[in-house]
């Protein structure tokens, strides 16, 4: 039992490497490039619903 516990322990360096990678994944925003301009993607559900409503002609404006 004790050997299995030791086998599953992570060293401090492994934990730091894992957390650094996790932070990097979270910090990276979705972007796309159109005609040389880079735009960030807005993942807000309300914004996406408004955009789709306008596209399909159901925009109340």
C-alpha atoms as a PDB file:
ATOM      1  CA  UNK A   1       0.000   0.000   0.000  1.00  0.00           C
ATOM      2  CA  UNK A   2       2.769   2.412   0.916  1.00  0.00           C
ATOM      3  CA  UNK A   3       4.594   1.720  -2.371  1.00  0.00           C
ATOM      4  CA  UNK A   4       1.477   2.520  -4.374  1.00  0.00           C
ATOM      5  CA  UNK A   5       1.105   5.833  -2.521  1.00  0.00           C
ATOM      6  CA  UNK A   6       4.710   6.794  -3.287  1.00  0.00           C
ATOM      7  CA  UNK A   7       4.304   5.818  -6.923  1.00  0.00           C
ATOM      8  CA  UNK A   8       1.369   8.200  -7.406  1.00  0.00           C
ATOM      9  CA  UNK A   9       2.984  11.220  -5.761  1.00  0.00           C
ATOM     10  CA  UNK A  10       4.021  14.118  -7.971  1.00  0.00           C
ATOM     11  CA  UNK A  11       7.214  16.009  -7.329  1.00  0.00           C
ATOM     12  CA  UNK A  12       7.095  19.767  -6.843  1.00  0.00           C
ATOM     13  CA  UNK A  13       8.595  20.331 -10.302  1.00  0.00           C
ATOM     14  CA  UNK A  14       5.917  18.137 -11.905  1.00  0.00           C
ATOM     15  CA  UNK A  15       3.177  20.077 -10.116  1.00  0.00           C
ATOM     16  CA  UNK A  16       4.677  23.407 -11.221  1.00  0.00           C
ATOM     17  CA  UNK A  17       4.970  22.199 -14.818  1.00  0.00           C
ATOM     18  CA  UNK A  18       1.356  20.988 -14.768  1.00  0.00           C
ATOM     19  CA  UNK A  19       0.040  24.271 -13.325  1.00  0.00           C
ATOM     20  CA  UNK A  20       2.084  26.374 -15.776  1.00  0.00           C
ATOM     21  CA  UNK A  21       0.653  24.416 -18.690  1.00  0.00           C
ATOM     22  CA  UNK A  22      -2.862  24.766 -17.265  1.00  0.00           C
ATOM     23  CA  UNK A  23      -2.475  28.540 -16.862  1.00  0.00           C
ATOM     24  CA  UNK A  24      -1.172  28.835 -20.408  1.00  0.00           C
ATOM     25  CA  UNK A  25      -4.162  26.910 -21.776  1.00  0.00           C
ATOM     26  CA  UNK A  26      -6.599  29.111 -19.850  1.00  0.00           C
ATOM     27  CA  UNK A  27      -4.895  32.354 -20.846  1.00  0.00           C
ATOM     28  CA  UNK A  28      -4.905  31.591 -24.567  1.00  0.00           C
ATOM     29  CA  UNK A  29      -7.885  33.287 -26.210  1.00  0.00           C
ATOM     30  CA  UNK A  30      -9.587  32.047 -29.360  1.00  0.00           C
ATOM     31  CA  UNK A  31      -8.517  34.260 -32.246  1.00  0.00           C
ATOM     32  CA  UNK A  32      -8.913  34.326 -35.993  1.00  0.00           C
ATOM     33  CA  UNK A  33      -7.291  36.362 -38.745  1.00  0.00           C
ATOM     34  CA  UNK A  34      -9.248  38.005 -41.539  1.00  0.00           C
ATOM     35  CA  UNK A  35      -7.518  40.122 -44.201  1.00  0.00           C
ATOM     36  CA  UNK A  36      -4.439  40.492 -42.007  1.00  0.00           C
ATOM     37  CA  UNK A  37      -6.409  41.677 -38.948  1.00  0.00           C
ATOM     38  CA  UNK A  38      -6.539  39.476 -35.844  1.00  0.00           C
ATOM     39  CA  UNK A  39      -9.799  39.295 -33.906  1.00  0.00           C
ATOM     40  CA  UNK A  40     -10.628  37.631 -30.586  1.00  0.00           C
ATOM     41  CA  UNK A  41     -13.688  35.401 -30.362  1.00  0.00           C
ATOM     42  CA  UNK A  42     -16.418  36.473 -27.940  1.00  0.00           C
ATOM     43  CA  UNK A  43     -17.652  33.276 -26.250  1.00  0.00           C
ATOM     44  CA  UNK A  44     -20.386  35.033 -24.273  1.00  0.00           C
ATOM     45  CA  UNK A  45     -23.657  33.077 -24.807  1.00  0.00           C
ATOM     46  CA  UNK A  46     -25.825  36.235 -24.912  1.00  0.00           C
ATOM     47  CA  UNK A  47     -23.570  37.828 -27.510  1.00  0.00           C
ATOM     48  CA  UNK A  48     -23.639  34.677 -29.638  1.00  0.00           C
ATOM     49  CA  UNK A  49     -27.445  34.492 -29.426  1.00  0.00           C
ATOM     50  CA  UNK A  50     -27.751  38.141 -30.500  1.00  0.00           C
ATOM     51  CA  UNK A  51     -25.402  37.555 -33.426  1.00  0.00           C
ATOM     52  CA  UNK A  52     -27.316  34.489 -34.600  1.00  0.00           C
ATOM     53  CA  UNK A  53     -30.663  36.264 -34.218  1.00  0.00           C
ATOM     54  CA  UNK A  54     -29.441  39.088 -36.472  1.00  0.00           C
ATOM     55  CA  UNK A  55     -28.095  36.640 -39.024  1.00  0.00           C
ATOM     56  CA  UNK A  56     -31.385  34.762 -39.307  1.00  0.00           C
ATOM     57  CA  UNK A  57     -33.469  37.931 -39.566  1.00  0.00           C
ATOM     58  CA  UNK A  58     -35.090  37.676 -36.135  1.00  0.00           C
ATOM     59  CA  UNK A  59     -33.420  40.774 -34.709  1.00  0.00           C
ATOM     60  CA  UNK A  60     -36.051  43.025 -33.034  1.00  0.00           C
ATOM     61  CA  UNK A  61     -34.296  46.293 -34.028  1.00  0.00           C
END
